[in-house]
Amino acid sequence: MTKYEMGDLLNSTLTATGEAFSIYITLLVAYLIASYMVGHKLTSTQSTIISSLFVVAATLPTWSVYTFMSRAIPIADALEKVNPDVMYGAQPMARNIATAILILGIFAAMKFMWDIRHPKTE
């Protein structure tokens, strides 16, 4: 594989990562808005269904971000061997941190829904 092909493959993989992240953000914001607007009006069954669908839907792009970034790491490593003066940036630590942030976002959104549905009365 030529250097150009590796660069193109890396670019395509990182673009797919960005697209999966965009889908995740869209789902997260939609769930937070729905929680804020109507969370207190939902029955327990409705809340459970919506929250379960959100968790499943948000897990898929989270997994996609992890796998796409995992695919980018060996490509970036190969490019760095060919061109050692350039750092291509696909690192395992970045993948792990990004995935952890997305997972924490799912839990934070669930906590937000819980807080909307169970307000503290003072």
PDB file of N, CA and C in Angstrom:
ATOM      1  N   MET A   1       0.851  -1.173   0.000  1.00  0.00           N
ATOM      2  CA  MET A   1       0.000   0.000   0.000  1.00  0.00           C
ATOM      3  C   MET A   1       0.899   1.240   0.000  1.00  0.00           C
ATOM      4  N   THR A   2       0.544   2.185  -0.849  1.00  0.00           N
ATOM      5  CA  THR A   2       1.361   3.392  -0.946  1.00  0.00           C
ATOM      6  C   THR A   2       1.052   4.343   0.210  1.00  0.00           C
ATOM      7  N   LYS A   3       1.944   5.315   0.358  1.00  0.00           N
ATOM      8  CA  LYS A   3       1.746   6.323   1.401  1.00  0.00           C
ATOM      9  C   LYS A   3       0.446   7.088   1.169  1.00  0.00           C
ATOM     10  N   TYR A   4       0.149   7.394  -0.077  1.00  0.00           N
ATOM     11  CA  TYR A   4      -1.098   8.103  -0.398  1.00  0.00           C
ATOM     12  C   TYR A   4      -2.314   7.266  -0.005  1.00  0.00           C
ATOM     13  N   GLU A   5      -2.293   5.981  -0.323  1.00  0.00           N
ATOM     14  CA  GLU A   5      -3.424   5.101   0.011  1.00  0.00           C
ATOM     15  C   GLU A   5      -3.601   4.993   1.526  1.00  0.00           C
ATOM     16  N   MET A   6      -2.485   4.891   2.247  1.00  0.00           N
ATOM     17  CA  MET A   6      -2.582   4.836   3.710  1.00  0.00           C
ATOM     18  C   MET A   6      -3.153   6.136   4.261  1.00  0.00           C
ATOM     19  N   GLY A   7      -2.712   7.262   3.726  1.00  0.00           N
ATOM     20  CA  GLY A   7      -3.236   8.555   4.168  1.00  0.00           C
ATOM     21  C   GLY A   7      -4.715   8.688   3.876  1.00  0.00           C
ATOM     22  N   ASP A   8      -5.136   8.216   2.707  1.00  0.00           N
ATOM     23  CA  ASP A   8      -6.548   8.265   2.336  1.00  0.00           C
ATOM     24  C   ASP A   8      -7.370   7.355   3.243  1.00  0.00           C
ATOM     25  N   LEU A   9      -6.847   6.178   3.533  1.00  0.00           N
ATOM     26  CA  LEU A   9      -7.543   5.254   4.427  1.00  0.00           C
ATOM     27  C   LEU A   9      -7.649   5.824   5.835  1.00  0.00           C
ATOM     28  N   LEU A  10      -6.587   6.454   6.313  1.00  0.00           N
ATOM     29  CA  LEU A  10      -6.616   7.092   7.631  1.00  0.00           C
ATOM     30  C   LEU A  10      -7.648   8.212   7.650  1.00  0.00           C
ATOM     31  N   ASN A  11      -7.653   9.029   6.603  1.00  0.00           N
ATOM     32  CA  ASN A  11      -8.612  10.121   6.523  1.00  0.00           C
ATOM     33  C   ASN A  11     -10.049   9.599   6.506  1.00  0.00           C
ATOM     34  N   SER A  12     -10.298   8.561   5.744  1.00  0.00           N
ATOM     35  CA  SER A  12     -11.644   7.982   5.673  1.00  0.00           C
ATOM     36  C   SER A  12     -12.069   7.405   7.024  1.00  0.00           C
ATOM     37  N   THR A  13     -11.147   6.752   7.688  1.00  0.00           N
ATOM     38  CA  THR A  13     -11.461   6.160   8.990  1.00  0.00           C
ATOM     39  C   THR A  13     -11.751   7.242  10.023  1.00  0.00           C
ATOM     40  N   LEU A  14     -10.961   8.301  10.029  1.00  0.00           N
ATOM     41  CA  LEU A  14     -11.191   9.384  10.985  1.00  0.00           C
ATOM     42  C   LEU A  14     -12.457  10.176  10.638  1.00  0.00           C
ATOM     43  N   THR A  15     -12.789  10.266   9.359  1.00  0.00           N
ATOM     44  CA  THR A  15     -14.044  10.906   8.964  1.00  0.00           C
ATOM     45  C   THR A  15     -15.226  10.098   9.465  1.00  0.00           C
ATOM     46  N   ALA A  16     -15.145   8.779   9.346  1.00  0.00           N
ATOM     47  CA  ALA A  16     -16.209   7.912   9.859  1.00  0.00           C
ATOM     48  C   ALA A  16     -16.328   8.046  11.378  1.00  0.00           C
ATOM     49  N   THR A  17     -15.197   8.224  12.049  1.00  0.00           N
ATOM     50  CA  THR A  17     -15.218   8.447  13.493  1.00  0.00           C
ATOM     51  C   THR A  17     -15.979   9.729  13.818  1.00  0.00           C
ATOM     52  N   GLY A  18     -15.707  10.778  13.076  1.00  0.00           N
ATOM     53  CA  GLY A  18     -16.407  12.047  13.284  1.00  0.00           C
ATOM     54  C   GLY A  18     -17.893  11.935  13.022  1.00  0.00           C
ATOM     55  N   GLU A  19     -18.262  11.165  12.012  1.00  0.00           N
ATOM     56  CA  GLU A  19     -19.681  10.974  11.714  1.00  0.00           C
ATOM     57  C   GLU A  19     -20.378  10.216  12.838  1.00  0.00           C
ATOM     58  N   ALA A  20     -19.737   9.187  13.370  1.00  0.00           N
ATOM     59  CA  ALA A  20     -20.316   8.439  14.482  1.00  0.00           C
ATOM     60  C   ALA A  20     -20.454   9.336  15.712  1.00  0.00           C
ATOM     61  N   PHE A  21     -19.457  10.191  15.941  1.00  0.00           N
ATOM     62  CA  PHE A  21     -19.519  11.126  17.059  1.00  0.00           C
ATOM     63  C   PHE A  21     -20.668  12.116  16.872  1.00  0.00           C
ATOM     64  N   SER A  22     -20.879  12.574  15.640  1.00  0.00           N
ATOM     65  CA  SER A  22     -21.986  13.497  15.356  1.00  0.00           C
ATOM     66  C   SER A  22     -23.338  12.840  15.621  1.00  0.00           C
ATOM     67  N   ILE A  23     -23.464  11.591  15.243  1.00  0.00           N
ATOM     68  CA  ILE A  23     -24.707  10.861  15.511  1.00  0.00           C
ATOM     69  C   ILE A  23     -24.924  10.748  17.014  1.00  0.00           C
ATOM     70  N   TYR A  24     -23.856  10.439  17.740  1.00  0.00           N
ATOM     71  CA  TYR A  24     -23.944  10.342  19.204  1.00  0.00           C
ATOM     72  C   TYR A  24     -24.416  11.663  19.810  1.00  0.00           C
ATOM     73  N   ILE A  25     -23.813  12.769  19.395  1.00  0.00           N
ATOM     74  CA  ILE A  25     -24.183  14.082  19.937  1.00  0.00           C
ATOM     75  C   ILE A  25     -25.639  14.395  19.621  1.00  0.00           C
ATOM     76  N   THR A  26     -26.082  14.064  18.423  1.00  0.00           N
ATOM     77  CA  THR A  26     -27.478  14.291  18.040  1.00  0.00           C
ATOM     78  C   THR A  26     -28.421  13.516  18.954  1.00  0.00           C
ATOM     79  N   LEU A  27     -28.121  12.251  19.180  1.00  0.00           N
ATOM     80  CA  LEU A  27     -28.955  11.433  20.066  1.00  0.00           C
ATOM     81  C   LEU A  27     -28.946  11.968  21.495  1.00  0.00           C
ATOM     82  N   LEU A  28     -27.770  12.345  21.977  1.00  0.00           N
ATOM     83  CA  LEU A  28     -27.636  12.850  23.341  1.00  0.00           C
ATOM     84  C   LEU A  28     -28.444  14.125  23.534  1.00  0.00           C
ATOM     85  N   VAL A  29     -28.313  15.062  22.619  1.00  0.00           N
ATOM     86  CA  VAL A  29     -29.028  16.333  22.738  1.00  0.00           C
ATOM     87  C   VAL A  29     -30.535  16.111  22.631  1.00  0.00           C
ATOM     88  N   ALA A  30     -30.961  15.237  21.723  1.00  0.00           N
ATOM     89  CA  ALA A  30     -32.394  14.945  21.594  1.00  0.00           C
ATOM     90  C   ALA A  30     -32.948  14.348  22.886  1.00  0.00           C
ATOM     91  N   TYR A  31     -32.200  13.437  23.491  1.00  0.00           N
ATOM     92  CA  TYR A  31     -32.645  12.816  24.745  1.00  0.00           C
ATOM     93  C   TYR A  31     -32.687  13.847  25.874  1.00  0.00           C
ATOM     94  N   LEU A  32     -31.683  14.709  25.947  1.00  0.00           N
ATOM     95  CA  LEU A  32     -31.672  15.727  27.002  1.00  0.00           C
ATOM     96  C   LEU A  32     -32.820  16.719  26.834  1.00  0.00           C
ATOM     97  N   ILE A  33     -33.089  17.120  25.603  1.00  0.00           N
ATOM     98  CA  ILE A  33     -34.207  18.050  25.370  1.00  0.00           C
ATOM     99  C   ILE A  33     -35.528  17.379  25.716  1.00  0.00           C
ATOM    100  N   ALA A  34     -35.702  16.140  25.272  1.00  0.00           N
ATOM    101  CA  ALA A  34     -36.935  15.416  25.594  1.00  0.00           C
ATOM    102  C   ALA A  34     -37.079  15.238  27.106  1.00  0.00           C
ATOM    103  N   SER A  35     -35.981  14.937  27.776  1.00  0.00           N
ATOM    104  CA  SER A  35     -36.017  14.783  29.236  1.00  0.00           C
ATOM    105  C   SER A  35     -36.454  16.073  29.906  1.00  0.00           C
ATOM    106  N   TYR A  36     -35.867  17.164  29.453  1.00  0.00           N
ATOM    107  CA  TYR A  36     -36.163  18.452  30.071  1.00  0.00           C
ATOM    108  C   TYR A  36     -37.603  18.891  29.798  1.00  0.00           C
ATOM    109  N   MET A  37     -38.043  18.698  28.562  1.00  0.00           N
ATOM    110  CA  MET A  37     -39.363  19.199  28.159  1.00  0.00           C
ATOM    111  C   MET A  37     -40.507  18.349  28.718  1.00  0.00           C
ATOM    112  N   VAL A  38     -40.389  17.040  28.656  1.00  0.00           N
ATOM    113  CA  VAL A  38     -41.530  16.188  29.025  1.00  0.00           C
ATOM    114  C   VAL A  38     -41.186  15.094  30.025  1.00  0.00           C
ATOM    115  N   GLY A  39     -39.960  15.059  30.515  1.00  0.00           N
ATOM    116  CA  GLY A  39     -39.553  13.994  31.431  1.00  0.00           C
ATOM    117  C   GLY A  39     -40.440  13.862  32.655  1.00  0.00           C
ATOM    118  N   HIS A  40     -40.848  14.989  33.217  1.00  0.00           N
ATOM    119  CA  HIS A  40     -41.670  14.960  34.424  1.00  0.00           C
ATOM    120  C   HIS A  40     -43.097  14.488  34.141  1.00  0.00           C
ATOM    121  N   LYS A  41     -43.534  14.497  32.880  1.00  0.00           N
ATOM    122  CA  LYS A  41     -44.887  14.082  32.509  1.00  0.00           C
ATOM    123  C   LYS A  41     -44.970  12.601  32.124  1.00  0.00           C
ATOM    124  N   LEU A  42     -43.834  11.944  31.937  1.00  0.00           N
ATOM    125  CA  LEU A  42     -43.829  10.559  31.477  1.00  0.00           C
ATOM    126  C   LEU A  42     -44.167   9.585  32.598  1.00  0.00           C
ATOM    127  N   THR A  43     -44.852   8.507  32.234  1.00  0.00           N
ATOM    128  CA  THR A  43     -45.072   7.428  33.188  1.00  0.00           C
ATOM    129  C   THR A  43     -43.763   6.648  33.327  1.00  0.00           C
ATOM    130  N   SER A  44     -43.705   5.778  34.316  1.00  0.00           N
ATOM    131  CA  SER A  44     -42.490   4.975  34.508  1.00  0.00           C
ATOM    132  C   SER A  44     -42.221   4.091  33.289  1.00  0.00           C
ATOM    133  N   THR A  45     -43.266   3.539  32.728  1.00  0.00           N
ATOM    134  CA  THR A  45     -43.103   2.682  31.552  1.00  0.00           C
ATOM    135  C   THR A  45     -42.577   3.483  30.365  1.00  0.00           C
ATOM    136  N   GLN A  46     -43.147   4.641  30.127  1.00  0.00           N
ATOM    137  CA  GLN A  46     -42.688   5.482  29.024  1.00  0.00           C
ATOM    138  C   GLN A  46     -41.235   5.901  29.221  1.00  0.00           C
ATOM    139  N   SER A  47     -40.899   6.274  30.415  1.00  0.00           N
ATOM    140  CA  SER A  47     -39.530   6.687  30.718  1.00  0.00           C
ATOM    141  C   SER A  47     -38.552   5.531  30.516  1.00  0.00           C
ATOM    142  N   THR A  48     -38.951   4.348  30.942  1.00  0.00           N
ATOM    143  CA  THR A  48     -38.096   3.173  30.784  1.00  0.00           C
ATOM    144  C   THR A  48     -37.878   2.850  29.311  1.00  0.00           C
ATOM    145  N   ILE A  49     -38.947   2.912  28.527  1.00  0.00           N
ATOM    146  CA  ILE A  49     -38.835   2.614  27.100  1.00  0.00           C
ATOM    147  C   ILE A  49     -37.930   3.631  26.408  1.00  0.00           C
ATOM    148  N   ILE A  50     -38.169   4.910  26.658  1.00  0.00           N
ATOM    149  CA  ILE A  50     -37.376   5.956  26.009  1.00  0.00           C
ATOM    150  C   ILE A  50     -35.911   5.882  26.443  1.00  0.00           C
ATOM    151  N   SER A  51     -35.693   5.669  27.718  1.00  0.00           N
ATOM    152  CA  SER A  51     -34.316   5.589  28.217  1.00  0.00           C
ATOM    153  C   SER A  51     -33.601   4.363  27.665  1.00  0.00           C
ATOM    154  N   SER A  52     -34.294   3.244  27.579  1.00  0.00           N
ATOM    155  CA  SER A  52     -33.684   2.031  27.023  1.00  0.00           C
ATOM    156  C   SER A  52     -33.325   2.223  25.554  1.00  0.00           C
ATOM    157  N   LEU A  53     -34.240   2.822  24.807  1.00  0.00           N
ATOM    158  CA  LEU A  53     -33.951   3.095  23.396  1.00  0.00           C
ATOM    159  C   LEU A  53     -32.761   4.041  23.258  1.00  0.00           C
ATOM    160  N   PHE A  54     -32.693   5.034  24.122  1.00  0.00           N
ATOM    161  CA  PHE A  54     -31.562   5.970  24.075  1.00  0.00           C
ATOM    162  C   PHE A  54     -30.247   5.244  24.351  1.00  0.00           C
ATOM    163  N   VAL A  55     -30.234   4.405  25.385  1.00  0.00           N
ATOM    164  CA  VAL A  55     -28.991   3.707  25.732  1.00  0.00           C
ATOM    165  C   VAL A  55     -28.531   2.830  24.575  1.00  0.00           C
ATOM    166  N   VAL A  56     -29.453   2.093  23.975  1.00  0.00           N
ATOM    167  CA  VAL A  56     -29.083   1.236  22.845  1.00  0.00           C
ATOM    168  C   VAL A  56     -28.605   2.095  21.672  1.00  0.00           C
ATOM    169  N   ALA A  57     -29.374   3.133  21.358  1.00  0.00           N
ATOM    170  CA  ALA A  57     -29.026   3.985  20.214  1.00  0.00           C
ATOM    171  C   ALA A  57     -27.703   4.712  20.428  1.00  0.00           C
ATOM    172  N   ALA A  58     -27.401   5.139  21.642  1.00  0.00           N
ATOM    173  CA  ALA A  58     -26.148   5.858  21.914  1.00  0.00           C
ATOM    174  C   ALA A  58     -24.958   4.910  22.038  1.00  0.00           C
ATOM    175  N   THR A  59     -25.216   3.664  22.385  1.00  0.00           N
ATOM    176  CA  THR A  59     -24.129   2.697  22.491  1.00  0.00           C
ATOM    177  C   THR A  59     -23.558   2.352  21.120  1.00  0.00           C
ATOM    178  N   LEU A  60     -24.409   2.317  20.101  1.00  0.00           N
ATOM    179  CA  LEU A  60     -23.929   1.963  18.763  1.00  0.00           C
ATOM    180  C   LEU A  60     -22.899   2.961  18.220  1.00  0.00           C
ATOM    181  N   PRO A  61     -23.159   4.280  18.237  1.00  0.00           N
ATOM    182  CA  PRO A  61     -22.104   5.182  17.773  1.00  0.00           C
ATOM    183  C   PRO A  61     -20.889   5.222  18.708  1.00  0.00           C
ATOM    184  N   THR A  62     -21.111   4.961  19.995  1.00  0.00           N
ATOM    185  CA  THR A  62     -19.975   4.887  20.921  1.00  0.00           C
ATOM    186  C   THR A  62     -19.055   3.739  20.515  1.00  0.00           C
ATOM    187  N   TRP A  63     -19.644   2.599  20.225  1.00  0.00           N
ATOM    188  CA  TRP A  63     -18.865   1.442  19.777  1.00  0.00           C
ATOM    189  C   TRP A  63     -18.193   1.741  18.437  1.00  0.00           C
ATOM    190  N   SER A  64     -18.903   2.436  17.561  1.00  0.00           N
ATOM    191  CA  SER A  64     -18.331   2.794  16.256  1.00  0.00           C
ATOM    192  C   SER A  64     -17.115   3.693  16.416  1.00  0.00           C
ATOM    193  N   VAL A  65     -17.203   4.690  17.301  1.00  0.00           N
ATOM    194  CA  VAL A  65     -16.054   5.570  17.546  1.00  0.00           C
ATOM    195  C   VAL A  65     -14.862   4.734  18.014  1.00  0.00           C
ATOM    196  N   TYR A  66     -15.102   3.808  18.940  1.00  0.00           N
ATOM    197  CA  TYR A  66     -14.028   2.961  19.455  1.00  0.00           C
ATOM    198  C   TYR A  66     -13.402   2.122  18.337  1.00  0.00           C
ATOM    199  N   THR A  67     -14.246   1.472  17.525  1.00  0.00           N
ATOM    200  CA  THR A  67     -13.700   0.592  16.493  1.00  0.00           C
ATOM    201  C   THR A  67     -13.018   1.363  15.375  1.00  0.00           C
ATOM    202  N   PHE A  68     -13.598   2.483  14.956  1.00  0.00           N
ATOM    203  CA  PHE A  68     -12.953   3.271  13.905  1.00  0.00           C
ATOM    204  C   PHE A  68     -11.603   3.805  14.382  1.00  0.00           C
ATOM    205  N   MET A  69     -11.554   4.278  15.621  1.00  0.00           N
ATOM    206  CA  MET A  69     -10.277   4.779  16.144  1.00  0.00           C
ATOM    207  C   MET A  69      -9.274   3.639  16.302  1.00  0.00           C
ATOM    208  N   SER A  70      -9.761   2.446  16.656  1.00  0.00           N
ATOM    209  CA  SER A  70      -8.875   1.278  16.751  1.00  0.00           C
ATOM    210  C   SER A  70      -8.284   0.931  15.390  1.00  0.00           C
ATOM    211  N   ARG A  71      -9.081   1.093  14.339  1.00  0.00           N
ATOM    212  CA  ARG A  71      -8.582   0.837  12.986  1.00  0.00           C
ATOM    213  C   ARG A  71      -7.589   1.907  12.546  1.00  0.00           C
ATOM    214  N   ALA A  72      -7.761   3.114  13.023  1.00  0.00           N
ATOM    215  CA  ALA A  72      -6.884   4.212  12.612  1.00  0.00           C
ATOM    216  C   ALA A  72      -5.494   4.107  13.234  1.00  0.00           C
ATOM    217  N   ILE A  73      -5.386   3.510  14.392  1.00  0.00           N
ATOM    218  CA  ILE A  73      -4.098   3.461  15.111  1.00  0.00           C
ATOM    219  C   ILE A  73      -3.005   2.754  14.305  1.00  0.00           C
ATOM    220  N   PRO A  74      -3.233   1.532  13.809  1.00  0.00           N
ATOM    221  CA  PRO A  74      -2.137   0.902  13.044  1.00  0.00           C
ATOM    222  C   PRO A  74      -1.827   1.622  11.732  1.00  0.00           C
ATOM    223  N   ILE A  75      -2.839   2.245  11.136  1.00  0.00           N
ATOM    224  CA  ILE A  75      -2.590   3.001   9.897  1.00  0.00           C
ATOM    225  C   ILE A  75      -1.697   4.201  10.198  1.00  0.00           C
ATOM    226  N   ALA A  76      -2.019   4.925  11.279  1.00  0.00           N
ATOM    227  CA  ALA A  76      -1.208   6.086  11.662  1.00  0.00           C
ATOM    228  C   ALA A  76       0.205   5.656  12.032  1.00  0.00           C
ATOM    229  N   ASP A  77       0.326   4.525  12.730  1.00  0.00           N
ATOM    230  CA  ASP A  77       1.661   4.023  13.076  1.00  0.00           C
ATOM    231  C   ASP A  77       2.479   3.712  11.824  1.00  0.00           C
ATOM    232  N   ALA A  78       1.839   3.092  10.834  1.00  0.00           N
ATOM    233  CA  ALA A  78       2.542   2.769   9.587  1.00  0.00           C
ATOM    234  C   ALA A  78       2.957   4.044   8.860  1.00  0.00           C
ATOM    235  N   LEU A  79       2.094   5.040   8.846  1.00  0.00           N
ATOM    236  CA  LEU A  79       2.439   6.312   8.200  1.00  0.00           C
ATOM    237  C   LEU A  79       3.573   7.019   8.931  1.00  0.00           C
ATOM    238  N   GLU A  80       3.585   6.932  10.251  1.00  0.00           N
ATOM    239  CA  GLU A  80       4.656   7.574  11.017  1.00  0.00           C
ATOM    240  C   GLU A  80       6.002   6.890  10.764  1.00  0.00           C
ATOM    241  N   LYS A  81       5.986   5.589  10.470  1.00  0.00           N
ATOM    242  CA  LYS A  81       7.240   4.903  10.129  1.00  0.00           C
ATOM    243  C   LYS A  81       7.757   5.355   8.767  1.00  0.00           C
ATOM    244  N   VAL A  82       6.828   5.592   7.850  1.00  0.00           N
ATOM    245  CA  VAL A  82       7.210   6.058   6.514  1.00  0.00           C
ATOM    246  C   VAL A  82       7.673   7.509   6.554  1.00  0.00           C
ATOM    247  N   ASN A  83       7.005   8.311   7.364  1.00  0.00           N
ATOM    248  CA  ASN A  83       7.305   9.740   7.451  1.00  0.00           C
ATOM    249  C   ASN A  83       7.459  10.114   8.931  1.00  0.00           C
ATOM    250  N   PRO A  84       8.612   9.869   9.541  1.00  0.00           N
ATOM    251  CA  PRO A  84       8.787  10.049  10.979  1.00  0.00           C
ATOM    252  C   PRO A  84       8.710  11.499  11.461  1.00  0.00           C
ATOM    253  N   ASP A  85       8.779  12.458  10.558  1.00  0.00           N
ATOM    254  CA  ASP A  85       8.708  13.864  10.963  1.00  0.00           C
ATOM    255  C   ASP A  85       7.279  14.326  11.233  1.00  0.00           C
ATOM    256  N   VAL A  86       6.290  13.513  10.873  1.00  0.00           N
ATOM    257  CA  VAL A  86       4.886  13.899  11.017  1.00  0.00           C
ATOM    258  C   VAL A  86       4.205  12.969  12.013  1.00  0.00           C
ATOM    259  N   MET A  87       3.466  13.551  12.968  1.00  0.00           N
ATOM    260  CA  MET A  87       2.673  12.751  13.902  1.00  0.00           C
ATOM    261  C   MET A  87       1.230  12.759  13.396  1.00  0.00           C
ATOM    262  N   TYR A  88       0.690  11.601  13.161  1.00  0.00           N
ATOM    263  CA  TYR A  88      -0.648  11.498  12.584  1.00  0.00           C
ATOM    264  C   TYR A  88      -1.746  11.475  13.637  1.00  0.00           C
ATOM    265  N   GLY A  89      -1.422  11.298  14.880  1.00  0.00           N
ATOM    266  CA  GLY A  89      -2.346  11.565  15.963  1.00  0.00           C
ATOM    267  C   GLY A  89      -3.268  10.458  16.413  1.00  0.00           C
ATOM    268  N   ALA A  90      -3.322   9.340  15.747  1.00  0.00           N
ATOM    269  CA  ALA A  90      -4.205   8.261  16.187  1.00  0.00           C
ATOM    270  C   ALA A  90      -3.483   7.448  17.261  1.00  0.00           C
ATOM    271  N   GLN A  91      -3.847   7.653  18.492  1.00  0.00           N
ATOM    272  CA  GLN A  91      -3.178   7.011  19.613  1.00  0.00           C
ATOM    273  C   GLN A  91      -4.186   6.214  20.451  1.00  0.00           C
ATOM    274  N   PRO A  92      -3.759   5.092  21.052  1.00  0.00           N
ATOM    275  CA  PRO A  92      -4.671   4.316  21.893  1.00  0.00           C
ATOM    276  C   PRO A  92      -5.258   5.133  23.050  1.00  0.00           C
ATOM    277  N   MET A  93      -4.466   6.024  23.633  1.00  0.00           N
ATOM    278  CA  MET A  93      -4.959   6.830  24.757  1.00  0.00           C
ATOM    279  C   MET A  93      -6.099   7.741  24.299  1.00  0.00           C
ATOM    280  N   ALA A  94      -5.987   8.332  23.117  1.00  0.00           N
ATOM    281  CA  ALA A  94      -7.053   9.190  22.592  1.00  0.00           C
ATOM    282  C   ALA A  94      -8.326   8.379  22.377  1.00  0.00           C
ATOM    283  N   ARG A  95      -8.174   7.179  21.840  1.00  0.00           N
ATOM    284  CA  ARG A  95      -9.327   6.296  21.644  1.00  0.00           C
ATOM    285  C   ARG A  95      -9.996   5.971  22.974  1.00  0.00           C
ATOM    286  N   ASN A  96      -9.202   5.624  23.964  1.00  0.00           N
ATOM    287  CA  ASN A  96      -9.755   5.236  25.261  1.00  0.00           C
ATOM    288  C   ASN A  96     -10.434   6.409  25.961  1.00  0.00           C
ATOM    289  N   ILE A  97      -9.825   7.584  25.894  1.00  0.00           N
ATOM    290  CA  ILE A  97     -10.412   8.764  26.527  1.00  0.00           C
ATOM    291  C   ILE A  97     -11.710   9.154  25.829  1.00  0.00           C
ATOM    292  N   ALA A  98     -11.705   9.140  24.495  1.00  0.00           N
ATOM    293  CA  ALA A  98     -12.916   9.495  23.750  1.00  0.00           C
ATOM    294  C   ALA A  98     -14.051   8.534  24.071  1.00  0.00           C
ATOM    295  N   THR A  99     -13.753   7.252  24.114  1.00  0.00           N
ATOM    296  CA  THR A  99     -14.780   6.260  24.422  1.00  0.00           C
ATOM    297  C   THR A  99     -15.297   6.437  25.848  1.00  0.00           C
ATOM    298  N   ALA A 100     -14.407   6.683  26.785  1.00  0.00           N
ATOM    299  CA  ALA A 100     -14.824   6.890  28.176  1.00  0.00           C
ATOM    300  C   ALA A 100     -15.724   8.112  28.308  1.00  0.00           C
ATOM    301  N   ILE A 101     -15.399   9.178  27.591  1.00  0.00           N
ATOM    302  CA  ILE A 101     -16.230  10.390  27.642  1.00  0.00           C
ATOM    303  C   ILE A 101     -17.625  10.110  27.092  1.00  0.00           C
ATOM    304  N   LEU A 102     -17.701   9.361  26.001  1.00  0.00           N
ATOM    305  CA  LEU A 102     -19.009   9.043  25.430  1.00  0.00           C
ATOM    306  C   LEU A 102     -19.825   8.168  26.377  1.00  0.00           C
ATOM    307  N   ILE A 103     -19.187   7.206  27.006  1.00  0.00           N
ATOM    308  CA  ILE A 103     -19.900   6.352  27.968  1.00  0.00           C
ATOM    309  C   ILE A 103     -20.363   7.179  29.162  1.00  0.00           C
ATOM    310  N   LEU A 104     -19.514   8.054  29.659  1.00  0.00           N
ATOM    311  CA  LEU A 104     -19.919   8.929  30.770  1.00  0.00           C
ATOM    312  C   LEU A 104     -21.074   9.838  30.362  1.00  0.00           C
ATOM    313  N   GLY A 105     -21.106  10.260  29.107  1.00  0.00           N
ATOM    314  CA  GLY A 105     -22.214  11.076  28.613  1.00  0.00           C
ATOM    315  C   GLY A 105     -23.535  10.341  28.671  1.00  0.00           C
ATOM    316  N   ILE A 106     -23.526   9.053  28.377  1.00  0.00           N
ATOM    317  CA  ILE A 106     -24.748   8.247  28.468  1.00  0.00           C
ATOM    318  C   ILE A 106     -25.225   8.204  29.910  1.00  0.00           C
ATOM    319  N   PHE A 107     -24.302   7.941  30.836  1.00  0.00           N
ATOM    320  CA  PHE A 107     -24.687   7.898  32.251  1.00  0.00           C
ATOM    321  C   PHE A 107     -25.155   9.260  32.757  1.00  0.00           C
ATOM    322  N   ALA A 108     -24.495  10.321  32.311  1.00  0.00           N
ATOM    323  CA  ALA A 108     -24.905  11.667  32.737  1.00  0.00           C
ATOM    324  C   ALA A 108     -26.305  11.999  32.229  1.00  0.00           C
ATOM    325  N   ALA A 109     -26.623  11.593  31.012  1.00  0.00           N
ATOM    326  CA  ALA A 109     -27.965  11.839  30.467  1.00  0.00           C
ATOM    327  C   ALA A 109     -29.014  11.052  31.247  1.00  0.00           C
ATOM    328  N   MET A 110     -28.684   9.841  31.625  1.00  0.00           N
ATOM    329  CA  MET A 110     -29.624   9.036  32.425  1.00  0.00           C
ATOM    330  C   MET A 110     -29.837   9.686  33.800  1.00  0.00           C
ATOM    331  N   LYS A 111     -28.773  10.214  34.386  1.00  0.00           N
ATOM    332  CA  LYS A 111     -28.886  10.912  35.664  1.00  0.00           C
ATOM    333  C   LYS A 111     -29.737  12.169  35.514  1.00  0.00           C
ATOM    334  N   PHE A 112     -29.576  12.871  34.400  1.00  0.00           N
ATOM    335  CA  PHE A 112     -30.368  14.058  34.136  1.00  0.00           C
ATOM    336  C   PHE A 112     -31.851  13.704  34.088  1.00  0.00           C
ATOM    337  N   MET A 113     -32.186  12.629  33.371  1.00  0.00           N
ATOM    338  CA  MET A 113     -33.592  12.192  33.312  1.00  0.00           C
ATOM    339  C   MET A 113     -34.086  11.830  34.709  1.00  0.00           C
ATOM    340  N   TRP A 114     -33.263  11.161  35.486  1.00  0.00           N
ATOM    341  CA  TRP A 114     -33.654  10.787  36.848  1.00  0.00           C
ATOM    342  C   TRP A 114     -33.955  12.035  37.673  1.00  0.00           C
ATOM    343  N   ASP A 115     -33.079  13.026  37.574  1.00  0.00           N
ATOM    344  CA  ASP A 115     -33.271  14.258  38.332  1.00  0.00           C
ATOM    345  C   ASP A 115     -34.534  15.000  37.903  1.00  0.00           C
ATOM    346  N   ILE A 116     -34.860  14.993  36.623  1.00  0.00           N
ATOM    347  CA  ILE A 116     -36.084  15.635  36.128  1.00  0.00           C
ATOM    348  C   ILE A 116     -37.302  14.902  36.657  1.00  0.00           C
ATOM    349  N   ARG A 117     -37.239  13.587  36.670  1.00  0.00           N
ATOM    350  CA  ARG A 117     -38.396  12.783  37.096  1.00  0.00           C
ATOM    351  C   ARG A 117     -38.545  12.713  38.613  1.00  0.00           C
ATOM    352  N   HIS A 118     -37.469  12.947  39.336  1.00  0.00           N
ATOM    353  CA  HIS A 118     -37.500  12.874  40.796  1.00  0.00           C
ATOM    354  C   HIS A 118     -36.908  14.158  41.384  1.00  0.00           C
ATOM    355  N   PRO A 119     -37.627  15.261  41.248  1.00  0.00           N
ATOM    356  CA  PRO A 119     -37.077  16.524  41.765  1.00  0.00           C
ATOM    357  C   PRO A 119     -36.974  16.497  43.290  1.00  0.00           C
ATOM    358  N   LYS A 120     -35.959  17.150  43.775  1.00  0.00           N
ATOM    359  CA  LYS A 120     -35.788  17.257  45.234  1.00  0.00           C
ATOM    360  C   LYS A 120     -36.673  18.387  45.732  1.00  0.00           C
ATOM    361  N   THR A 121     -37.518  18.080  46.677  1.00  0.00           N
ATOM    362  CA  THR A 121     -38.378  19.103  47.260  1.00  0.00           C
ATOM    363  C   THR A 121     -37.740  19.611  48.546  1.00  0.00           C
ATOM    364  N   GLU A 122     -37.669  20.889  48.642  1.00  0.00           N
ATOM    365  CA  GLU A 122     -37.040  21.483  49.835  1.00  0.00           C
ATOM    366  C   GLU A 122     -38.030  22.321  50.577  1.00  0.00           C
TER     367      GLU A 122
END
